[in-house]
Protein backbone atom coordinates (compact mmCIF):
# COMPACT_ATOMS: atom_id res chain seq x y z
CA MET A 1 -23.50 68.12 53.36
CA ALA A 2 -26.59 69.43 55.09
CA GLN A 3 -29.28 70.56 52.80
CA LEU A 4 -29.00 74.09 51.54
CA THR A 5 -31.28 76.79 52.74
CA PRO A 6 -33.43 78.53 50.00
CA GLU A 7 -31.06 81.77 50.93
CA GLN A 8 -28.33 79.93 49.74
CA TRP A 9 -29.98 78.63 46.72
CA ARG A 10 -31.38 82.00 45.87
CA ALA A 11 -27.60 82.82 46.03
CA ASP A 12 -26.81 80.08 43.63
CA LEU A 13 -29.38 80.95 41.04
CA GLU A 14 -28.50 84.62 41.35
CA TYR A 15 -24.45 83.38 40.47
CA LEU A 16 -25.80 81.03 37.44
CA ARG A 17 -28.28 84.25 36.32
CA THR A 18 -25.44 86.24 35.45
CA THR A 19 -22.36 83.93 35.06
CA LEU A 20 -24.13 81.67 32.32
CA PRO A 21 -25.24 84.50 29.58
CA ALA A 22 -21.52 86.03 30.33
CA LYS A 23 -19.66 82.55 29.12
CA HIS A 24 -22.43 81.34 26.51
CA PRO A 25 -23.49 83.31 24.13
CA GLY A 26 -26.81 81.67 23.86
CA PHE A 27 -28.00 82.81 27.47
CA ALA A 28 -27.47 86.35 26.28
CA GLN A 29 -29.57 86.20 23.37
CA LYS A 30 -33.24 86.93 22.96
CA PRO A 31 -36.06 85.20 23.27
CA PHE A 32 -34.03 82.53 25.07
CA SER A 33 -32.69 84.91 27.50
CA ASP A 34 -36.12 86.15 28.82
CA ARG A 35 -37.23 82.39 29.38
CA PHE A 36 -34.01 81.43 31.08
CA GLN A 37 -34.61 84.72 33.27
CA ASN A 38 -38.21 84.11 34.09
CA SER A 39 -37.43 80.31 34.69
CA LEU A 40 -34.83 80.98 37.29
CA THR A 41 -37.39 83.90 38.97
CA GLU A 42 -40.09 80.91 39.07
CA LEU A 43 -37.42 78.25 40.55
CA GLU A 44 -36.75 81.21 43.24
CA ALA A 45 -40.00 81.48 44.35
CA GLY A 46 -40.81 78.03 45.24
CA LEU A 47 -37.58 76.95 47.16
CA ALA A 48 -39.09 76.47 50.26
CA GLY A 49 -39.64 72.96 51.15
CA ARG A 50 -37.84 71.61 48.48
CA ASN A 51 -34.89 69.46 49.15
CA ASP A 52 -31.57 69.91 46.77
CA LEU A 53 -31.80 66.96 44.27
CA ASP A 54 -35.19 68.13 43.47
CA ILE A 55 -34.12 71.96 42.77
CA ALA A 56 -31.22 70.77 41.10
CA LEU A 57 -33.27 68.62 38.68
CA ASP A 58 -35.21 71.78 37.89
CA LEU A 59 -32.15 73.55 37.19
CA GLN A 60 -31.03 70.43 34.73
CA ALA A 61 -34.72 71.28 32.89
CA ILE A 62 -33.86 74.81 32.74
CA LEU A 63 -30.58 74.69 30.82
CA SER A 64 -31.82 71.81 28.50
CA ALA A 65 -34.11 73.95 27.26
CA SER A 66 -31.72 76.07 25.90
CA GLY A 67 -31.76 72.92 23.16
CA ASP A 68 -27.88 73.04 23.69
CA ALA A 69 -26.59 69.22 24.50
CA HIS A 70 -23.32 70.37 25.99
CA THR A 71 -24.78 72.45 28.56
CA ARG A 72 -25.87 70.63 31.58
CA VAL A 73 -25.69 70.74 35.27
CA ASP A 74 -23.45 67.72 36.33
CA LEU A 75 -26.27 65.91 38.96
CA LEU A 76 -23.66 62.56 39.09
CA PRO A 77 -22.80 63.33 42.39
CA MET A 78 -26.01 63.97 43.92
CA LEU A 79 -27.31 60.86 41.93
CA GLN A 80 -24.90 58.42 43.13
CA LYS A 81 -26.15 59.38 46.76
CA ILE A 82 -29.75 57.76 46.15
CA TYR A 83 -30.60 54.20 45.20
CA PRO A 84 -30.91 53.66 41.65
CA VAL A 85 -33.98 51.55 39.97
CA PRO A 86 -31.79 49.13 38.15
CA LEU A 87 -32.85 49.29 34.43
CA GLY A 88 -30.47 49.34 31.29
CA LEU A 89 -32.78 50.49 28.61
CA GLY A 90 -31.95 50.75 24.64
CA TRP A 91 -33.94 51.81 22.04
CA TYR A 92 -34.31 50.17 18.63
CA ALA A 93 -35.70 49.93 15.16
CA ASP A 94 -38.47 47.81 17.12
CA GLY A 95 -39.15 49.77 20.37
CA ILE A 96 -37.70 50.07 24.10
CA TYR A 97 -36.43 46.88 25.34
CA VAL A 98 -34.14 46.08 28.52
CA SER A 99 -30.73 45.17 28.04
CA GLY A 100 -29.47 44.92 31.52
CA THR A 101 -30.87 44.93 35.20
CA THR A 102 -30.04 42.77 38.03
CA LYS A 103 -31.02 39.27 39.13
CA ARG A 104 -33.62 40.24 40.99
CA TYR A 105 -35.69 41.61 38.05
CA LYS A 106 -34.51 38.72 35.45
CA ALA A 107 -37.97 38.31 34.09
CA ILE A 108 -38.09 41.38 32.02
CA LEU A 109 -34.31 41.04 30.59
CA GLY A 110 -34.34 40.99 26.82
CA LYS A 111 -38.47 42.41 26.65
CA LYS A 112 -39.67 45.25 24.72
CA ILE A 113 -41.60 47.23 27.34
CA VAL A 114 -45.29 48.63 26.18
CA ARG A 115 -46.01 50.68 29.28
CA ILE A 116 -44.48 52.58 32.16
CA ASN A 117 -47.04 53.37 35.03
CA GLY A 118 -49.87 53.03 32.42
CA LEU A 119 -48.42 55.26 29.82
CA ASP A 120 -46.89 54.23 26.21
CA THR A 121 -43.67 54.21 26.24
CA GLU A 122 -43.42 57.30 23.84
CA THR A 123 -45.67 59.49 26.08
CA ALA A 124 -43.57 58.30 29.09
CA LEU A 125 -40.31 59.49 27.22
CA GLN A 126 -41.75 62.62 26.25
CA LYS A 127 -41.92 63.51 30.27
CA THR A 128 -38.25 62.59 30.51
CA GLY A 129 -37.61 64.67 27.59
CA ARG A 130 -37.84 67.92 30.21
CA PHE A 131 -34.39 66.76 31.81
CA VAL A 132 -33.16 66.48 27.69
CA ALA A 133 -31.97 69.01 25.31
CA MET A 134 -33.80 68.55 22.28
CA GLU A 135 -31.20 69.65 19.76
CA ASN A 136 -33.57 67.40 17.18
CA ASP A 137 -36.53 64.78 17.66
CA GLN A 138 -33.78 62.14 18.14
CA ALA A 139 -32.77 63.68 21.47
CA VAL A 140 -34.81 62.12 23.67
CA PHE A 141 -34.80 58.82 22.10
CA LYS A 142 -30.64 59.14 22.96
CA ASP A 143 -30.99 60.58 26.51
CA GLY A 144 -34.04 60.19 27.64
CA LEU A 145 -34.15 56.87 28.80
CA GLN A 146 -31.87 57.36 31.87
CA TRP A 147 -34.23 58.70 33.59
CA PHE A 148 -36.20 55.98 33.81
CA ARG A 149 -33.36 54.76 36.83
CA PHE A 150 -33.70 58.33 39.19
CA PRO A 151 -36.73 58.10 41.43
CA ALA A 152 -36.79 61.94 42.02
CA ALA A 153 -36.34 62.77 38.04
CA PHE A 154 -39.35 60.27 36.89
CA ARG A 155 -41.60 61.45 39.95
CA GLN A 156 -40.52 65.10 38.98
CA ALA A 157 -41.32 64.52 35.56
CA GLY A 158 -44.99 63.24 36.22
CA VAL A 159 -44.05 59.59 35.71
CA SER A 160 -44.49 57.92 38.93
CA ASN A 161 -46.00 59.60 42.43
CA SER A 162 -43.34 57.10 44.03
CA ASP A 163 -40.30 55.46 43.54
CA THR A 164 -41.62 52.45 41.92
CA LEU A 165 -42.18 52.17 38.18
CA ALA A 166 -45.12 49.82 36.38
CA ILE A 167 -43.39 47.82 33.70
CA THR A 168 -45.59 46.47 31.37
CA TYR A 169 -43.65 44.09 29.05
CA GLU A 170 -44.47 41.75 26.05
CA ASP A 171 -43.78 38.13 27.82
CA GLN A 172 -44.70 36.91 24.62
CA PRO A 173 -45.78 37.73 21.29
CA GLY A 174 -49.15 39.42 21.98
CA LYS A 175 -48.98 37.98 25.43
CA LEU A 176 -48.41 40.69 28.27
CA GLN A 177 -46.95 41.06 32.04
CA THR A 178 -46.80 43.85 34.41
CA ILE A 179 -43.74 44.15 36.69
CA LYS A 180 -43.32 46.45 39.54
CA VAL A 181 -39.35 47.75 40.02
CA PHE A 182 -38.11 49.97 42.48
CA PRO A 183 -34.68 51.06 43.50
CA ILE A 184 -32.12 48.84 45.22
CA ASN A 185 -29.68 49.21 47.95
CA PRO A 186 -26.42 48.52 46.13
CA ALA A 187 -25.25 46.95 49.29
CA ASN A 188 -27.40 44.36 48.93
CA GLN A 189 -25.45 41.96 46.68
CA THR A 190 -27.74 39.38 46.21
CA ASP A 191 -30.49 41.99 44.76
CA MET A 192 -27.53 43.79 42.97
CA GLN A 193 -26.19 40.27 40.66
CA PRO A 194 -26.23 41.66 37.20
CA ALA A 195 -28.45 39.96 34.54
CA GLN A 196 -27.63 41.40 30.86
CA ILE A 197 -27.71 40.29 27.44
CA VAL A 198 -24.66 39.31 25.98
CA PRO A 199 -24.79 39.02 22.32
CA LYS A 200 -23.97 35.82 20.87
CA GLU A 201 -21.45 36.65 18.28
CA ASN A 202 -19.97 40.06 17.82
CA ASP A 203 -20.00 41.88 14.22
CA LEU A 204 -16.81 44.62 13.68
CA ARG A 205 -19.02 47.34 15.32
CA TRP A 206 -19.54 45.59 18.48
CA ARG A 207 -16.05 44.71 19.79
CA PRO A 208 -15.01 46.14 22.24
CA LEU A 209 -13.77 49.59 21.66
CA GLN A 210 -10.39 49.39 22.40
CA TYR A 211 -8.59 51.30 19.82
CA LEU A 212 -9.14 55.27 19.25
CA PHE A 213 -9.75 54.13 15.56
CA PHE A 214 -9.06 51.28 13.37
CA LEU A 215 -9.01 49.84 10.24
CA GLU A 216 -9.91 46.20 8.84
CA TYR A 217 -10.02 45.14 5.32
CA LEU A 218 -12.45 42.52 4.79
CA GLU A 219 -10.74 40.82 1.60
CA SER A 220 -14.15 38.67 0.76
CA ASP A 221 -16.82 41.58 0.98
CA LYS A 222 -14.16 43.94 -0.78
CA VAL A 223 -14.91 46.49 2.08
CA LEU A 224 -12.38 48.82 3.87
CA TYR A 225 -13.69 49.34 7.31
CA VAL A 226 -12.39 52.25 9.35
CA GLN A 227 -14.18 52.44 12.77
CA TYR A 228 -13.48 55.94 14.18
CA ASN A 229 -14.28 55.75 17.87
CA ARG A 230 -13.37 59.05 19.42
CA CYS A 231 -12.04 62.27 17.62
CA ILE A 232 -8.66 62.42 19.70
CA SER A 233 -4.68 61.89 18.19
CA ARG A 234 -1.38 62.46 18.79
CA GLU A 235 -1.72 65.76 16.63
CA MET A 236 -4.52 67.69 18.16
CA THR A 237 -3.11 66.96 21.55
CA LEU A 238 0.37 68.17 20.23
CA ALA A 239 -1.16 71.52 19.10
CA ARG A 240 -2.57 72.41 22.40
CA GLY A 241 0.48 71.98 24.06
CA ASP A 242 0.14 68.77 25.56
CA THR A 243 3.55 67.04 24.60
CA ALA A 244 3.26 64.33 27.82
CA ASN A 245 -0.09 63.24 27.33
CA ALA A 246 0.13 63.51 23.30
CA MET A 247 2.89 60.91 23.48
CA GLN A 248 0.35 58.29 24.61
CA LEU A 249 -1.78 58.29 21.59
CA PRO A 250 -1.74 57.02 18.06
CA ALA A 251 -0.93 59.49 15.06
CA PHE A 252 -3.96 60.13 12.94
CA GLN A 253 -2.32 61.50 9.80
CA PRO A 254 -0.46 58.05 9.02
CA PHE A 255 -3.36 56.37 9.81
CA ALA A 256 -5.18 58.47 7.14
CA ASP A 257 -2.52 57.56 4.56
CA SER A 258 -2.90 53.80 5.02
CA ILE A 259 -6.74 54.54 4.34
CA LEU A 260 -6.02 56.05 1.29
CA TYR A 261 -3.27 53.78 -0.16
CA LEU A 262 -5.40 50.92 0.68
CA MET A 263 -8.13 51.97 -1.63
CA ARG A 264 -6.17 53.49 -4.01
CA GLN A 265 -4.32 49.47 -3.85
CA HIS A 266 -7.74 48.10 -3.75
CA PRO A 267 -9.88 49.91 -6.76
CA GLU A 268 -12.86 47.37 -6.29
CA ALA A 269 -13.54 48.07 -2.71
CA ARG A 270 -15.99 50.26 -0.72
CA LEU A 271 -14.68 52.26 2.03
CA VAL A 272 -16.65 52.43 5.48
CA PHE A 273 -16.19 55.47 7.55
CA ASP A 274 -17.96 54.30 10.92
CA LEU A 275 -18.82 57.37 13.63
CA ARG A 276 -21.40 55.83 15.25
CA PHE A 277 -21.15 56.15 19.00
CA ASN A 278 -18.24 58.60 18.52
CA PRO A 279 -18.83 61.24 21.35
CA GLY A 280 -16.70 63.53 19.93
CA GLY A 281 -12.98 65.38 20.98
CA GLY A 282 -11.86 67.94 18.36
CA ALA A 283 -12.91 68.16 14.47
CA SER A 284 -9.83 68.61 12.96
CA ASP A 285 -8.20 65.63 12.03
CA GLY A 286 -12.02 64.25 10.42
CA ILE A 287 -12.39 67.41 9.18
CA GLU A 288 -9.32 67.21 6.97
CA PHE A 289 -9.62 63.66 6.20
CA ALA A 290 -13.09 64.43 4.33
CA ARG A 291 -11.70 67.42 2.52
CA ARG A 292 -8.55 64.92 1.21
CA ILE A 293 -11.37 62.16 0.04
CA ALA A 294 -13.25 65.36 -1.79
CA GLU A 295 -10.44 65.51 -3.98
CA ILE A 296 -9.86 62.13 -5.15
CA PRO A 297 -12.39 61.51 -7.89
CA GLU A 298 -11.81 57.60 -7.92
CA ILE A 299 -12.50 57.38 -4.00
CA ASN A 300 -15.38 60.01 -3.64
CA ARG A 301 -18.11 58.33 -5.43
CA LYS A 302 -21.66 57.49 -3.52
CA ASP A 303 -21.48 53.79 -4.49
CA ARG A 304 -17.66 53.59 -3.09
CA LEU A 305 -17.85 56.29 0.07
CA PHE A 306 -20.01 55.59 2.81
CA VAL A 307 -20.39 57.47 6.09
CA ALA A 308 -22.03 55.73 8.93
CA VAL A 309 -23.55 57.37 11.80
CA ASN A 310 -26.12 56.82 14.39
CA LEU A 311 -27.62 58.27 17.61
CA TYR A 312 -24.78 58.25 19.50
CA THR A 313 -22.38 60.00 17.10
CA PHE A 314 -21.86 63.40 19.04
CA SER A 315 -20.28 66.97 18.90
CA SER A 316 -17.07 66.87 16.31
CA ALA A 317 -18.09 63.40 15.46
CA VAL A 318 -21.49 65.16 13.99
CA GLN A 319 -19.52 68.19 12.10
CA ILE A 320 -17.15 65.65 10.85
CA ALA A 321 -20.06 63.56 9.18
CA ALA A 322 -21.83 67.10 8.11
CA VAL A 323 -18.94 67.97 6.38
CA PHE A 324 -18.47 64.88 4.44
CA ASP A 325 -22.33 65.05 3.78
CA GLU A 326 -21.53 68.52 2.14
CA HIS A 327 -18.02 68.21 0.57
CA THR A 328 -18.32 65.00 -0.24
CA ASN A 329 -20.41 62.22 -2.56
CA ALA A 330 -20.65 60.01 0.22
CA THR A 331 -23.77 57.88 1.36
CA LEU A 332 -24.78 58.42 4.61
CA ILE A 333 -26.29 55.88 6.41
CA GLY A 334 -27.45 54.46 9.51
CA ASP A 335 -30.01 56.98 12.11
CA GLN A 336 -29.88 60.60 12.22
CA PRO A 337 -27.80 62.03 15.28
CA ALA A 338 -29.54 63.52 18.11
CA GLU A 339 -27.58 66.79 17.77
CA ARG A 340 -27.44 69.59 14.78
CA PRO A 341 -24.30 69.82 12.68
CA ASN A 342 -23.87 73.37 13.54
CA HIS A 343 -24.09 73.72 16.98
CA TYR A 344 -22.63 75.12 20.32
CA GLY A 345 -19.19 73.64 21.96
CA GLU A 346 -16.11 74.13 23.23
CA VAL A 347 -17.18 73.09 26.65
CA ARG A 348 -16.21 74.98 29.77
CA SER A 349 -17.50 74.81 33.54
CA PHE A 350 -17.81 76.84 36.88
CA ARG A 351 -19.29 75.99 39.74
CA LEU A 352 -21.82 77.58 41.69
CA PRO A 353 -20.62 79.05 45.06
CA ASN A 354 -22.78 77.51 47.66
CA SER A 355 -24.02 73.91 46.52
CA GLY A 356 -21.13 73.06 44.52
CA LEU A 357 -23.14 72.15 41.36
CA GLU A 358 -20.72 72.05 38.30
CA ILE A 359 -22.33 73.63 35.25
CA VAL A 360 -20.96 72.05 31.83
CA HIS A 361 -21.69 74.72 29.25
CA SER A 362 -20.59 75.89 25.95
CA SER A 363 -18.63 78.93 25.24
CA ARG A 364 -19.09 79.62 21.23
CA PHE A 365 -21.58 78.39 18.45
CA MET A 366 -19.61 76.24 15.90
CA ARG A 367 -20.85 77.12 12.59
CA ILE A 368 -19.13 74.13 10.51
CA VAL A 369 -20.94 73.40 7.04
CA GLU A 370 -23.54 76.15 5.61
CA LYS A 371 -26.56 73.68 5.97
CA ASN A 372 -28.10 74.72 9.12
CA GLY A 373 -30.52 72.22 9.94
CA LYS A 374 -31.83 70.47 13.02
CA ALA A 375 -30.41 66.80 11.70
CA LEU A 376 -28.38 65.39 9.04
CA ASP A 377 -29.66 64.26 6.03
CA ILE A 378 -29.30 60.39 6.20
CA ASP A 379 -29.43 58.70 2.35
CA GLN A 380 -29.94 55.36 3.62
CA LYS A 381 -31.65 55.02 7.12
CA ILE A 382 -31.21 51.64 8.72
CA THR A 383 -31.96 51.43 12.65
CA PRO A 384 -30.88 47.86 14.49
CA SER A 385 -33.63 45.90 15.92
CA PHE A 386 -33.43 44.48 19.16
CA ASP A 387 -32.50 40.91 17.70
CA ASP A 388 -29.83 42.89 15.80
CA PHE A 389 -27.92 43.54 18.90
CA LYS A 390 -28.82 40.58 21.04
CA ASN A 391 -27.12 38.68 17.91
CA GLY A 392 -24.38 41.07 17.45
CA LYS A 393 -25.32 41.82 14.01
CA ASP A 394 -24.78 44.84 12.32
CA PRO A 395 -27.15 45.91 9.49
CA VAL A 396 -25.60 48.89 8.41
CA LEU A 397 -22.66 47.13 7.56
CA ASP A 398 -24.56 44.66 5.95
CA PHE A 399 -25.68 47.04 3.61
CA VAL A 400 -22.23 48.13 2.09
CA ARG A 401 -21.38 44.47 1.99
CA LYS A 402 -24.37 43.46 -0.01
CA ARG A 403 -23.75 46.17 -2.38
CA ARG A 404 -21.27 45.44 -5.66
CA GLU A 405 -20.32 47.87 -8.21
């Protein structure tokens, strides 16, 4: 597709100016509506001489300023057309590490990054935060790292004035090295050979996510471990009238009944309901389950009921955790999710007429619990270190394993 003209972009921005506030209630409310409209006006005034990707990134920055993590520009079709910087970065208790790259840059694999283009990592990350919906302070650690893969993004964020990043890393304790990384053509098979950290052994949480939800009773630890990987089930899909797809999915209610049966059969057991890395879906199953547990005194105890969350617990999964927090005596363990418990949701989308960019947006505010804070209150904060990840260890589950009634 040829580069759009400024006139075509102005038409797209005008369409966005009127359409998004009609579909997303937050964009129609002051003072944000004024900021949104003023930002579009500023963008319109500076279209001349700019390429489509840079303009689209500006749009992402404008939408992210809403603080709604569900509302964004789908930039993937554009980003797939440019060469990426092969950096897979992760945030851990002890800093930012390289967990994946290519053979060309294998020297930095598994190393801690201390500076990016001379900026300390926190400063560099705050700069890429312009593309992140900051629902709370955790959001930049969840979504800010990905932008270091795309030169147009980190240039616009002010991290670099070129397509190259100078990565300063800890080669050995107290010894720093710097290496320059730059985009690689995916067609270059030699340079693109992957290099990634493979954990030596996997604890339960780090096993491949083969199931929407599963349980395992750890006899020696007296722990019933429930991994809830996705908020979707046969019941929720049937409720939407999608019979064909519903029959391909597991039913949640018999699964929930099994959890409660096992907890009654093992009165000494602790229950871990793990919502880490759950990207959401629909909240009704999990909320109903939390309310059922709230009415069972022998399970609904702080020393027997644990709900695990982390940075990547998202959308409906955050809502479920919030209901556990408000209506049960559960001990919340792990890291604060990067989203508010009460937030905008029910995602919809539309396309801009000339660029074809898809605008993904929330359509209503979801008030699930009475408390309206920016983040869940965590009773026992536990953030895995890079060594935990590398060795397949789970300090969150270990915390419960080591407890005894």
